[in-house]
Amino acid sequence: MSESDIAERKCHKCGLTLGFGTMVKAVDLNWHSDCFACFDCNTPIQGEFRVRNPKEQPGRVELLCCPCDDRLRQEALANVPLCKGCGQRITSGKVLAIQGDKFHPECFKCKFCG
């Protein structure tokens, strides 16, 4: 790789030129060492991390430290409705909403005749 190729590389997070300073290459992308941090809490990534690809921004890669990723997943699950019939979360498919209660279609049955 030539010096001009190196000088033209840009940081995935901030978009600025990487130049010849310290950089990190992860998930096939280049980052300034200061930009290689959790997207949510901005703590520098050291060791294990997770990757999020936001649906609303194709091609964007966000790094998350494991505690933030775990917390964000728990918060997302808290917004997923519980089925009144079986008590499980309704994570995919159709949701039947009747008088404020939510059901998997296969769980909505007459309580008298099943």
PDB file of N, CA and C in Angstrom:
ATOM      1  N   MET A   1       0.848  -1.167   0.000  1.00  0.00           N
ATOM      2  CA  MET A   1       0.000   0.000   0.000  1.00  0.00           C
ATOM      3  C   MET A   1       0.896   1.234   0.000  1.00  0.00           C
ATOM      4  N   SER A   2       0.590   2.175  -0.852  1.00  0.00           N
ATOM      5  CA  SER A   2       1.422   3.370  -0.985  1.00  0.00           C
ATOM      6  C   SER A   2       1.108   4.388   0.111  1.00  0.00           C
ATOM      7  N   GLU A   3       2.005   5.358   0.287  1.00  0.00           N
ATOM      8  CA  GLU A   3       1.791   6.403   1.281  1.00  0.00           C
ATOM      9  C   GLU A   3       0.536   7.210   0.969  1.00  0.00           C
ATOM     10  N   SER A   4       0.254   7.425  -0.320  1.00  0.00           N
ATOM     11  CA  SER A   4      -0.951   8.202  -0.670  1.00  0.00           C
ATOM     12  C   SER A   4      -2.217   7.425  -0.335  1.00  0.00           C
ATOM     13  N   ASP A   5      -2.195   6.078  -0.484  1.00  0.00           N
ATOM     14  CA  ASP A   5      -3.347   5.260  -0.105  1.00  0.00           C
ATOM     15  C   ASP A   5      -3.598   5.348   1.397  1.00  0.00           C
ATOM     16  N   ILE A   6      -2.526   5.281   2.172  1.00  0.00           N
ATOM     17  CA  ILE A   6      -2.646   5.367   3.628  1.00  0.00           C
ATOM     18  C   ILE A   6      -3.178   6.738   4.038  1.00  0.00           C
ATOM     19  N   ALA A   7      -2.664   7.780   3.424  1.00  0.00           N
ATOM     20  CA  ALA A   7      -3.054   9.143   3.781  1.00  0.00           C
ATOM     21  C   ALA A   7      -4.516   9.434   3.436  1.00  0.00           C
ATOM     22  N   GLU A   8      -5.098   8.705   2.488  1.00  0.00           N
ATOM     23  CA  GLU A   8      -6.470   8.965   2.064  1.00  0.00           C
ATOM     24  C   GLU A   8      -7.508   8.143   2.824  1.00  0.00           C
ATOM     25  N   ARG A   9      -7.087   7.194   3.644  1.00  0.00           N
ATOM     26  CA  ARG A   9      -8.045   6.385   4.390  1.00  0.00           C
ATOM     27  C   ARG A   9      -8.760   7.251   5.422  1.00  0.00           C
ATOM     28  N   LYS A  10     -10.030   6.963   5.620  1.00  0.00           N
ATOM     29  CA  LYS A  10     -10.847   7.748   6.546  1.00  0.00           C
ATOM     30  C   LYS A  10     -11.358   6.868   7.683  1.00  0.00           C
ATOM     31  N   CYS A  11     -11.564   7.497   8.815  1.00  0.00           N
ATOM     32  CA  CYS A  11     -12.107   6.825   9.997  1.00  0.00           C
ATOM     33  C   CYS A  11     -13.598   6.562   9.770  1.00  0.00           C
ATOM     34  N   HIS A  12     -14.039   5.351  10.086  1.00  0.00           N
ATOM     35  CA  HIS A  12     -15.445   5.002   9.883  1.00  0.00           C
ATOM     36  C   HIS A  12     -16.374   5.823  10.778  1.00  0.00           C
ATOM     37  N   LYS A  13     -15.926   6.172  11.980  1.00  0.00           N
ATOM     38  CA  LYS A  13     -16.796   6.891  12.913  1.00  0.00           C
ATOM     39  C   LYS A  13     -16.877   8.381  12.600  1.00  0.00           C
ATOM     40  N   CYS A  14     -15.732   9.056  12.500  1.00  0.00           N
ATOM     41  CA  CYS A  14     -15.758  10.518  12.360  1.00  0.00           C
ATOM     42  C   CYS A  14     -15.610  10.994  10.920  1.00  0.00           C
ATOM     43  N   GLY A  15     -15.136  10.104  10.022  1.00  0.00           N
ATOM     44  CA  GLY A  15     -14.996  10.470   8.622  1.00  0.00           C
ATOM     45  C   GLY A  15     -13.750  11.272   8.288  1.00  0.00           C
ATOM     46  N   LEU A  16     -12.920  11.566   9.293  1.00  0.00           N
ATOM     47  CA  LEU A  16     -11.699  12.328   9.038  1.00  0.00           C
ATOM     48  C   LEU A  16     -10.587  11.406   8.566  1.00  0.00           C
ATOM     49  N   THR A  17      -9.601  11.988   7.893  1.00  0.00           N
ATOM     50  CA  THR A  17      -8.473  11.229   7.379  1.00  0.00           C
ATOM     51  C   THR A  17      -7.697  10.604   8.529  1.00  0.00           C
ATOM     52  N   LEU A  18      -7.284   9.354   8.331  1.00  0.00           N
ATOM     53  CA  LEU A  18      -6.526   8.656   9.357  1.00  0.00           C
ATOM     54  C   LEU A  18      -5.065   9.097   9.386  1.00  0.00           C
ATOM     55  N   GLY A  19      -4.495   9.399   8.252  1.00  0.00           N
ATOM     56  CA  GLY A  19      -3.096   9.815   8.210  1.00  0.00           C
ATOM     57  C   GLY A  19      -2.183   8.683   8.643  1.00  0.00           C
ATOM     58  N   PHE A  20      -1.126   9.040   9.342  1.00  0.00           N
ATOM     59  CA  PHE A  20      -0.119   8.055   9.710  1.00  0.00           C
ATOM     60  C   PHE A  20      -0.098   7.762  11.202  1.00  0.00           C
ATOM     61  N   GLY A  21      -1.059   8.266  11.967  1.00  0.00           N
ATOM     62  CA  GLY A  21      -1.087   8.048  13.412  1.00  0.00           C
ATOM     63  C   GLY A  21      -1.599   6.669  13.765  1.00  0.00           C
ATOM     64  N   THR A  22      -1.847   6.492  15.032  1.00  0.00           N
ATOM     65  CA  THR A  22      -2.352   5.220  15.536  1.00  0.00           C
ATOM     66  C   THR A  22      -3.779   5.023  15.056  1.00  0.00           C
ATOM     67  N   MET A  23      -4.043   3.831  14.546  1.00  0.00           N
ATOM     68  CA  MET A  23      -5.388   3.502  14.094  1.00  0.00           C
ATOM     69  C   MET A  23      -5.698   2.069  14.466  1.00  0.00           C
ATOM     70  N   VAL A  24      -6.974   1.744  14.396  1.00  0.00           N
ATOM     71  CA  VAL A  24      -7.437   0.391  14.687  1.00  0.00           C
ATOM     72  C   VAL A  24      -8.190  -0.102  13.464  1.00  0.00           C
ATOM     73  N   LYS A  25      -7.922  -1.353  13.094  1.00  0.00           N
ATOM     74  CA  LYS A  25      -8.695  -1.968  12.014  1.00  0.00           C
ATOM     75  C   LYS A  25      -9.543  -3.062  12.656  1.00  0.00           C
ATOM     76  N   ALA A  26     -10.856  -2.925  12.518  1.00  0.00           N
ATOM     77  CA  ALA A  26     -11.790  -3.913  13.085  1.00  0.00           C
ATOM     78  C   ALA A  26     -13.001  -3.990  12.189  1.00  0.00           C
ATOM     79  N   VAL A  27     -13.588  -5.163  12.089  1.00  0.00           N
ATOM     80  CA  VAL A  27     -14.725  -5.455  11.211  1.00  0.00           C
ATOM     81  C   VAL A  27     -14.498  -4.878   9.819  1.00  0.00           C
ATOM     82  N   ASP A  28     -13.284  -5.051   9.321  1.00  0.00           N
ATOM     83  CA  ASP A  28     -12.878  -4.600   7.978  1.00  0.00           C
ATOM     84  C   ASP A  28     -13.023  -3.100   7.772  1.00  0.00           C
ATOM     85  N   LEU A  29     -12.972  -2.337   8.847  1.00  0.00           N
ATOM     86  CA  LEU A  29     -13.050  -0.883   8.766  1.00  0.00           C
ATOM     87  C   LEU A  29     -11.906  -0.277   9.562  1.00  0.00           C
ATOM     88  N   ASN A  30     -11.574   0.966   9.230  1.00  0.00           N
ATOM     89  CA  ASN A  30     -10.493   1.673   9.913  1.00  0.00           C
ATOM     90  C   ASN A  30     -11.072   2.718  10.850  1.00  0.00           C
ATOM     91  N   TRP A  31     -10.427   2.886  12.007  1.00  0.00           N
ATOM     92  CA  TRP A  31     -10.896   3.791  13.042  1.00  0.00           C
ATOM     93  C   TRP A  31      -9.697   4.525  13.641  1.00  0.00           C
ATOM     94  N   HIS A  32      -9.853   5.797  13.998  1.00  0.00           N
ATOM     95  CA  HIS A  32      -8.868   6.436  14.859  1.00  0.00           C
ATOM     96  C   HIS A  32      -8.926   5.676  16.184  1.00  0.00           C
ATOM     97  N   SER A  33      -7.824   5.569  16.880  1.00  0.00           N
ATOM     98  CA  SER A  33      -7.864   4.850  18.161  1.00  0.00           C
ATOM     99  C   SER A  33      -8.832   5.526  19.131  1.00  0.00           C
ATOM    100  N   ASP A  34      -8.940   6.867  19.096  1.00  0.00           N
ATOM    101  CA  ASP A  34      -9.887   7.578  19.969  1.00  0.00           C
ATOM    102  C   ASP A  34     -11.339   7.356  19.554  1.00  0.00           C
ATOM    103  N   CYS A  35     -11.580   7.042  18.297  1.00  0.00           N
ATOM    104  CA  CYS A  35     -12.941   6.803  17.792  1.00  0.00           C
ATOM    105  C   CYS A  35     -13.382   5.355  17.989  1.00  0.00           C
ATOM    106  N   PHE A  36     -12.442   4.484  18.330  1.00  0.00           N
ATOM    107  CA  PHE A  36     -12.761   3.073  18.537  1.00  0.00           C
ATOM    108  C   PHE A  36     -13.346   2.932  19.939  1.00  0.00           C
ATOM    109  N   ALA A  37     -14.609   3.336  20.059  1.00  0.00           N
ATOM    110  CA  ALA A  37     -15.279   3.405  21.353  1.00  0.00           C
ATOM    111  C   ALA A  37     -16.732   2.969  21.199  1.00  0.00           C
ATOM    112  N   CYS A  38     -17.346   2.652  22.311  1.00  0.00           N
ATOM    113  CA  CYS A  38     -18.751   2.251  22.322  1.00  0.00           C
ATOM    114  C   CYS A  38     -19.615   3.393  21.796  1.00  0.00           C
ATOM    115  N   PHE A  39     -20.503   3.077  20.871  1.00  0.00           N
ATOM    116  CA  PHE A  39     -21.387   4.078  20.281  1.00  0.00           C
ATOM    117  C   PHE A  39     -22.328   4.676  21.320  1.00  0.00           C
ATOM    118  N   ASP A  40     -22.687   3.894  22.334  1.00  0.00           N
ATOM    119  CA  ASP A  40     -23.672   4.353  23.304  1.00  0.00           C
ATOM    120  C   ASP A  40     -23.046   5.136  24.467  1.00  0.00           C
ATOM    121  N   CYS A  41     -21.994   4.597  25.097  1.00  0.00           N
ATOM    122  CA  CYS A  41     -21.423   5.248  26.283  1.00  0.00           C
ATOM    123  C   CYS A  41     -20.077   5.915  26.019  1.00  0.00           C
ATOM    124  N   ASN A  42     -19.536   5.726  24.829  1.00  0.00           N
ATOM    125  CA  ASN A  42     -18.272   6.327  24.396  1.00  0.00           C
ATOM    126  C   ASN A  42     -17.059   5.832  25.179  1.00  0.00           C
ATOM    127  N   THR A  43     -17.182   4.707  25.878  1.00  0.00           N
ATOM    128  CA  THR A  43     -16.038   4.103  26.560  1.00  0.00           C
ATOM    129  C   THR A  43     -15.138   3.460  25.505  1.00  0.00           C
ATOM    130  N   PRO A  44     -13.817   3.675  25.588  1.00  0.00           N
ATOM    131  CA  PRO A  44     -12.922   3.029  24.625  1.00  0.00           C
ATOM    132  C   PRO A  44     -13.109   1.513  24.631  1.00  0.00           C
ATOM    133  N   ILE A  45     -13.131   0.926  23.450  1.00  0.00           N
ATOM    134  CA  ILE A  45     -13.280  -0.526  23.325  1.00  0.00           C
ATOM    135  C   ILE A  45     -11.936  -1.164  23.643  1.00  0.00           C
ATOM    136  N   GLN A  46     -11.958  -2.072  24.585  1.00  0.00           N
ATOM    137  CA  GLN A  46     -10.766  -2.848  24.939  1.00  0.00           C
ATOM    138  C   GLN A  46     -11.223  -4.275  25.131  1.00  0.00           C
ATOM    139  N   GLY A  47     -10.840  -5.128  24.235  1.00  0.00           N
ATOM    140  CA  GLY A  47     -11.268  -6.520  24.328  1.00  0.00           C
ATOM    141  C   GLY A  47     -12.541  -6.759  23.539  1.00  0.00           C
ATOM    142  N   GLU A  48     -13.449  -7.519  24.132  1.00  0.00           N
ATOM    143  CA  GLU A  48     -14.661  -7.959  23.439  1.00  0.00           C
ATOM    144  C   GLU A  48     -15.621  -6.798  23.197  1.00  0.00           C
ATOM    145  N   PHE A  49     -16.251  -6.802  22.028  1.00  0.00           N
ATOM    146  CA  PHE A  49     -17.267  -5.816  21.679  1.00  0.00           C
ATOM    147  C   PHE A  49     -18.264  -6.463  20.751  1.00  0.00           C
ATOM    148  N   ARG A  50     -19.354  -5.776  20.523  1.00  0.00           N
ATOM    149  CA  ARG A  50     -20.394  -6.274  19.614  1.00  0.00           C
ATOM    150  C   ARG A  50     -20.663  -5.220  18.558  1.00  0.00           C
ATOM    151  N   VAL A  51     -21.222  -5.654  17.453  1.00  0.00           N
ATOM    152  CA  VAL A  51     -21.454  -4.781  16.302  1.00  0.00           C
ATOM    153  C   VAL A  51     -22.939  -4.669  16.047  1.00  0.00           C
ATOM    154  N   ARG A  52     -23.379  -3.453  15.797  1.00  0.00           N
ATOM    155  CA  ARG A  52     -24.785  -3.203  15.447  1.00  0.00           C
ATOM    156  C   ARG A  52     -24.797  -2.515  14.089  1.00  0.00           C
ATOM    157  N   ASN A  53     -25.712  -2.951  13.234  1.00  0.00           N
ATOM    158  CA  ASN A  53     -25.910  -2.346  11.920  1.00  0.00           C
ATOM    159  C   ASN A  53     -27.312  -1.760  11.874  1.00  0.00           C
ATOM    160  N   PRO A  54     -27.461  -0.456  12.129  1.00  0.00           N
ATOM    161  CA  PRO A  54     -28.799   0.143  12.153  1.00  0.00           C
ATOM    162  C   PRO A  54     -29.517   0.010  10.813  1.00  0.00           C
ATOM    163  N   LYS A  55     -30.760  -0.453  10.863  1.00  0.00           N
ATOM    164  CA  LYS A  55     -31.549  -0.631   9.640  1.00  0.00           C
ATOM    165  C   LYS A  55     -31.765   0.689   8.909  1.00  0.00           C
ATOM    166  N   GLU A  56     -31.902   1.786   9.679  1.00  0.00           N
ATOM    167  CA  GLU A  56     -32.190   3.074   9.057  1.00  0.00           C
ATOM    168  C   GLU A  56     -30.967   3.713   8.411  1.00  0.00           C
ATOM    169  N   GLN A  57     -29.771   3.130   8.620  1.00  0.00           N
ATOM    170  CA  GLN A  57     -28.547   3.668   8.028  1.00  0.00           C
ATOM    171  C   GLN A  57     -27.731   2.533   7.429  1.00  0.00           C
ATOM    172  N   PRO A  58     -28.126   2.038   6.254  1.00  0.00           N
ATOM    173  CA  PRO A  58     -27.397   0.926   5.636  1.00  0.00           C
ATOM    174  C   PRO A  58     -25.917   1.268   5.457  1.00  0.00           C
ATOM    175  N   GLY A  59     -25.054   0.296   5.752  1.00  0.00           N
ATOM    176  CA  GLY A  59     -23.613   0.482   5.619  1.00  0.00           C
ATOM    177  C   GLY A  59     -22.958   1.035   6.873  1.00  0.00           C
ATOM    178  N   ARG A  60     -23.742   1.524   7.804  1.00  0.00           N
ATOM    179  CA  ARG A  60     -23.175   2.054   9.050  1.00  0.00           C
ATOM    180  C   ARG A  60     -22.916   0.908  10.014  1.00  0.00           C
ATOM    181  N   VAL A  61     -21.791   0.970  10.677  1.00  0.00           N
ATOM    182  CA  VAL A  61     -21.426  -0.011  11.691  1.00  0.00           C
ATOM    183  C   VAL A  61     -21.226   0.734  12.998  1.00  0.00           C
ATOM    184  N   GLU A  62     -21.908   0.280  14.033  1.00  0.00           N
ATOM    185  CA  GLU A  62     -21.747   0.870  15.359  1.00  0.00           C
ATOM    186  C   GLU A  62     -21.175  -0.183  16.294  1.00  0.00           C
ATOM    187  N   LEU A  63     -20.150   0.189  17.037  1.00  0.00           N
ATOM    188  CA  LEU A  63     -19.534  -0.700  18.006  1.00  0.00           C
ATOM    189  C   LEU A  63     -20.194  -0.478  19.362  1.00  0.00           C
ATOM    190  N   LEU A  64     -20.429  -1.557  20.074  1.00  0.00           N
ATOM    191  CA  LEU A  64     -21.020  -1.469  21.410  1.00  0.00           C
ATOM    192  C   LEU A  64     -20.191  -2.294  22.378  1.00  0.00           C
ATOM    193  N   CYS A  65     -19.937  -1.736  23.569  1.00  0.00           N
ATOM    194  CA  CYS A  65     -19.334  -2.553  24.614  1.00  0.00           C
ATOM    195  C   CYS A  65     -20.404  -3.557  25.058  1.00  0.00           C
ATOM    196  N   CYS A  66     -19.989  -4.657  25.637  1.00  0.00           N
ATOM    197  CA  CYS A  66     -20.950  -5.704  26.006  1.00  0.00           C
ATOM    198  C   CYS A  66     -21.999  -5.235  27.017  1.00  0.00           C
ATOM    199  N   PRO A  67     -21.627  -4.450  28.058  1.00  0.00           N
ATOM    200  CA  PRO A  67     -22.677  -3.992  28.980  1.00  0.00           C
ATOM    201  C   PRO A  67     -23.751  -3.136  28.289  1.00  0.00           C
ATOM    202  N   CYS A  68     -23.357  -2.249  27.386  1.00  0.00           N
ATOM    203  CA  CYS A  68     -24.355  -1.420  26.681  1.00  0.00           C
ATOM    204  C   CYS A  68     -25.216  -2.274  25.766  1.00  0.00           C
ATOM    205  N   ASP A  69     -24.603  -3.221  25.060  1.00  0.00           N
ATOM    206  CA  ASP A  69     -25.373  -4.092  24.176  1.00  0.00           C
ATOM    207  C   ASP A  69     -26.391  -4.894  24.983  1.00  0.00           C
ATOM    208  N   ASP A  70     -25.973  -5.442  26.122  1.00  0.00           N
ATOM    209  CA  ASP A  70     -26.901  -6.205  26.971  1.00  0.00           C
ATOM    210  C   ASP A  70     -28.050  -5.316  27.442  1.00  0.00           C
ATOM    211  N   ARG A  71     -27.742  -4.096  27.895  1.00  0.00           N
ATOM    212  CA  ARG A  71     -28.773  -3.177  28.376  1.00  0.00           C
ATOM    213  C   ARG A  71     -29.741  -2.799  27.263  1.00  0.00           C
ATOM    214  N   LEU A  72     -29.208  -2.487  26.069  1.00  0.00           N
ATOM    215  CA  LEU A  72     -30.071  -2.101  24.950  1.00  0.00           C
ATOM    216  C   LEU A  72     -30.980  -3.254  24.522  1.00  0.00           C
ATOM    217  N   ARG A  73     -30.472  -4.466  24.579  1.00  0.00           N
ATOM    218  CA  ARG A  73     -31.307  -5.626  24.244  1.00  0.00           C
ATOM    219  C   ARG A  73     -32.433  -5.807  25.263  1.00  0.00           C
ATOM    220  N   GLN A  74     -32.104  -5.625  26.543  1.00  0.00           N
ATOM    221  CA  GLN A  74     -33.129  -5.738  27.586  1.00  0.00           C
ATOM    222  C   GLN A  74     -34.189  -4.659  27.422  1.00  0.00           C
ATOM    223  N   GLU A  75     -33.772  -3.438  27.108  1.00  0.00           N
ATOM    224  CA  GLU A  75     -34.732  -2.350  26.896  1.00  0.00           C
ATOM    225  C   GLU A  75     -35.622  -2.641  25.705  1.00  0.00           C
ATOM    226  N   ALA A  76     -35.046  -3.203  24.643  1.00  0.00           N
ATOM    227  CA  ALA A  76     -35.843  -3.535  23.453  1.00  0.00           C
ATOM    228  C   ALA A  76     -36.861  -4.627  23.785  1.00  0.00           C
ATOM    229  N   LEU A  77     -36.432  -5.629  24.561  1.00  0.00           N
ATOM    230  CA  LEU A  77     -37.356  -6.704  24.941  1.00  0.00           C
ATOM    231  C   LEU A  77     -38.485  -6.197  25.823  1.00  0.00           C
ATOM    232  N   ALA A  78     -38.198  -5.195  26.647  1.00  0.00           N
ATOM    233  CA  ALA A  78     -39.229  -4.653  27.535  1.00  0.00           C
ATOM    234  C   ALA A  78     -40.385  -4.046  26.741  1.00  0.00           C
ATOM    235  N   ASN A  79     -40.124  -3.646  25.500  1.00  0.00           N
ATOM    236  CA  ASN A  79     -41.158  -3.052  24.654  1.00  0.00           C
ATOM    237  C   ASN A  79     -41.904  -4.082  23.820  1.00  0.00           C
ATOM    238  N   VAL A  80     -41.505  -5.350  23.906  1.00  0.00           N
ATOM    239  CA  VAL A  80     -42.169  -6.416  23.151  1.00  0.00           C
ATOM    240  C   VAL A  80     -43.335  -6.928  23.997  1.00  0.00           C
ATOM    241  N   PRO A  81     -44.540  -6.956  23.429  1.00  0.00           N
ATOM    242  CA  PRO A  81     -45.703  -7.338  24.234  1.00  0.00           C
ATOM    243  C   PRO A  81     -45.699  -8.813  24.655  1.00  0.00           C
ATOM    244  N   LEU A  82     -46.344  -9.063  25.789  1.00  0.00           N
ATOM    245  CA  LEU A  82     -46.546 -10.431  26.263  1.00  0.00           C
ATOM    246  C   LEU A  82     -47.906 -10.930  25.796  1.00  0.00           C
ATOM    247  N   CYS A  83     -47.943 -12.180  25.380  1.00  0.00           N
ATOM    248  CA  CYS A  83     -49.198 -12.812  24.971  1.00  0.00           C
ATOM    249  C   CYS A  83     -50.025 -13.120  26.218  1.00  0.00           C
ATOM    250  N   LYS A  84     -51.263 -12.667  26.234  1.00  0.00           N
ATOM    251  CA  LYS A  84     -52.172 -12.912  27.363  1.00  0.00           C
ATOM    252  C   LYS A  84     -52.526 -14.397  27.468  1.00  0.00           C
ATOM    253  N   GLY A  85     -52.428 -15.128  26.349  1.00  0.00           N
ATOM    254  CA  GLY A  85     -52.774 -16.551  26.356  1.00  0.00           C
ATOM    255  C   GLY A  85     -51.689 -17.441  26.933  1.00  0.00           C
ATOM    256  N   CYS A  86     -50.437 -17.277  26.475  1.00  0.00           N
ATOM    257  CA  CYS A  86     -49.357 -18.182  26.893  1.00  0.00           C
ATOM    258  C   CYS A  86     -48.325 -17.517  27.794  1.00  0.00           C
ATOM    259  N   GLY A  87     -48.335 -16.183  27.854  1.00  0.00           N
ATOM    260  CA  GLY A  87     -47.386 -15.478  28.702  1.00  0.00           C
ATOM    261  C   GLY A  87     -46.022 -15.245  28.078  1.00  0.00           C
ATOM    262  N   GLN A  88     -45.814 -15.710  26.857  1.00  0.00           N
ATOM    263  CA  GLN A  88     -44.530 -15.529  26.171  1.00  0.00           C
ATOM    264  C   GLN A  88     -44.521 -14.214  25.394  1.00  0.00           C
ATOM    265  N   ARG A  89     -43.331 -13.711  25.108  1.00  0.00           N
ATOM    266  CA  ARG A  89     -43.205 -12.491  24.314  1.00  0.00           C
ATOM    267  C   ARG A  89     -43.616 -12.765  22.870  1.00  0.00           C
ATOM    268  N   ILE A  90     -44.264 -11.786  22.253  1.00  0.00           N
ATOM    269  CA  ILE A  90     -44.668 -11.890  20.851  1.00  0.00           C
ATOM    270  C   ILE A  90     -43.580 -11.198  20.032  1.00  0.00           C
ATOM    271  N   THR A  91     -42.628 -11.991  19.546  1.00  0.00           N
ATOM    272  CA  THR A  91     -41.452 -11.423  18.881  1.00  0.00           C
ATOM    273  C   THR A  91     -41.543 -11.416  17.363  1.00  0.00           C
ATOM    274  N   SER A  92     -42.462 -12.171  16.796  1.00  0.00           N
ATOM    275  CA  SER A  92     -42.603 -12.170  15.334  1.00  0.00           C
ATOM    276  C   SER A  92     -44.023 -12.575  14.962  1.00  0.00           C
ATOM    277  N   GLY A  93     -44.358 -12.344  13.729  1.00  0.00           N
ATOM    278  CA  GLY A  93     -45.683 -12.708  13.250  1.00  0.00           C
ATOM    279  C   GLY A  93     -46.732 -11.684  13.631  1.00  0.00           C
ATOM    280  N   LYS A  94     -47.970 -12.085  13.500  1.00  0.00           N
ATOM    281  CA  LYS A  94     -49.093 -11.189  13.774  1.00  0.00           C
ATOM    282  C   LYS A  94     -49.385 -11.112  15.266  1.00  0.00           C
ATOM    283  N   VAL A  95     -49.951  -9.999  15.661  1.00  0.00           N
ATOM    284  CA  VAL A  95     -50.387  -9.783  17.039  1.00  0.00           C
ATOM    285  C   VAL A  95     -51.871  -9.463  16.997  1.00  0.00           C
ATOM    286  N   LEU A  96     -52.647 -10.196  17.770  1.00  0.00           N
ATOM    287  CA  LEU A  96     -54.068  -9.872  17.914  1.00  0.00           C
ATOM    288  C   LEU A  96     -54.222  -9.013  19.158  1.00  0.00           C
ATOM    289  N   ALA A  97     -54.814  -7.855  19.013  1.00  0.00           N
ATOM    290  CA  ALA A  97     -55.061  -6.970  20.151  1.00  0.00           C
ATOM    291  C   ALA A  97     -56.560  -6.873  20.367  1.00  0.00           C
ATOM    292  N   ILE A  98     -57.003  -7.332  21.518  1.00  0.00           N
ATOM    293  CA  ILE A  98     -58.425  -7.347  21.838  1.00  0.00           C
ATOM    294  C   ILE A  98     -58.623  -6.765  23.232  1.00  0.00           C
ATOM    295  N   GLN A  99     -59.362  -5.669  23.297  1.00  0.00           N
ATOM    296  CA  GLN A  99     -59.668  -4.987  24.555  1.00  0.00           C
ATOM    297  C   GLN A  99     -58.412  -4.752  25.401  1.00  0.00           C
ATOM    298  N   GLY A 100     -57.347  -4.314  24.745  1.00  0.00           N
ATOM    299  CA  GLY A 100     -56.114  -3.985  25.448  1.00  0.00           C
ATOM    300  C   GLY A 100     -55.180  -5.159  25.699  1.00  0.00           C
ATOM    301  N   ASP A 101     -55.638  -6.380  25.496  1.00  0.00           N
ATOM    302  CA  ASP A 101     -54.787  -7.557  25.647  1.00  0.00           C
ATOM    303  C   ASP A 101     -54.220  -7.954  24.291  1.00  0.00           C
ATOM    304  N   LYS A 102     -53.023  -8.549  24.315  1.00  0.00           N
ATOM    305  CA  LYS A 102     -52.375  -8.975  23.071  1.00  0.00           C
ATOM    306  C   LYS A 102     -52.188 -10.486  23.101  1.00  0.00           C
ATOM    307  N   PHE A 103     -52.330 -11.109  21.912  1.00  0.00           N
ATOM    308  CA  PHE A 103     -52.266 -12.560  21.795  1.00  0.00           C
ATOM    309  C   PHE A 103     -51.493 -12.952  20.544  1.00  0.00           C
ATOM    310  N   HIS A 104     -50.802 -14.122  20.603  1.00  0.00           N
ATOM    311  CA  HIS A 104     -50.393 -14.795  19.371  1.00  0.00           C
ATOM    312  C   HIS A 104     -51.699 -15.264  18.725  1.00  0.00           C
ATOM    313  N   PRO A 105     -51.811 -15.278  17.416  1.00  0.00           N
ATOM    314  CA  PRO A 105     -53.069 -15.749  16.800  1.00  0.00           C
ATOM    315  C   PRO A 105     -53.468 -17.156  17.262  1.00  0.00           C
ATOM    316  N   GLU A 106     -52.480 -18.044  17.437  1.00  0.00           N
ATOM    317  CA  GLU A 106     -52.797 -19.411  17.835  1.00  0.00           C
ATOM    318  C   GLU A 106     -53.178 -19.524  19.320  1.00  0.00           C
ATOM    319  N   CYS A 107     -52.919 -18.494  20.101  1.00  0.00           N
ATOM    320  CA  CYS A 107     -53.262 -18.501  21.542  1.00  0.00           C
ATOM    321  C   CYS A 107     -54.609 -17.884  21.830  1.00  0.00           C
ATOM    322  N   PHE A 108     -55.198 -17.199  20.850  1.00  0.00           N
ATOM    323  CA  PHE A 108     -56.490 -16.573  21.084  1.00  0.00           C
ATOM    324  C   PHE A 108     -57.585 -17.604  20.855  1.00  0.00           C
ATOM    325  N   LYS A 109     -58.185 -18.036  21.948  1.00  0.00           N
ATOM    326  CA  LYS A 109     -59.220 -19.078  21.870  1.00  0.00           C
ATOM    327  C   LYS A 109     -60.343 -18.729  22.822  1.00  0.00           C
ATOM    328  N   CYS A 110     -61.474 -19.256  22.536  1.00  0.00           N
ATOM    329  CA  CYS A 110     -62.631 -19.089  23.424  1.00  0.00           C
ATOM    330  C   CYS A 110     -62.302 -19.789  24.749  1.00  0.00           C
ATOM    331  N   LYS A 111     -62.501 -19.083  25.869  1.00  0.00           N
ATOM    332  CA  LYS A 111     -62.175 -19.693  27.148  1.00  0.00           C
ATOM    333  C   LYS A 111     -63.211 -20.727  27.590  1.00  0.00           C
ATOM    334  N   PHE A 112     -64.324 -20.819  26.874  1.00  0.00           N
ATOM    335  CA  PHE A 112     -65.339 -21.812  27.220  1.00  0.00           C
ATOM    336  C   PHE A 112     -65.187 -23.097  26.406  1.00  0.00           C
ATOM    337  N   CYS A 113     -64.956 -22.949  25.092  1.00  0.00           N
ATOM    338  CA  CYS A 113     -64.906 -24.158  24.259  1.00  0.00           C
ATOM    339  C   CYS A 113     -63.514 -24.439  23.681  1.00  0.00           C
ATOM    340  N   GLY A 114     -62.543 -23.541  23.934  1.00  0.00           N
ATOM    341  CA  GLY A 114     -61.163 -23.764  23.491  1.00  0.00           C
ATOM    342  C   GLY A 114     -60.987 -23.503  22.042  1.00  0.00           C
TER     343      GLY A 114
END
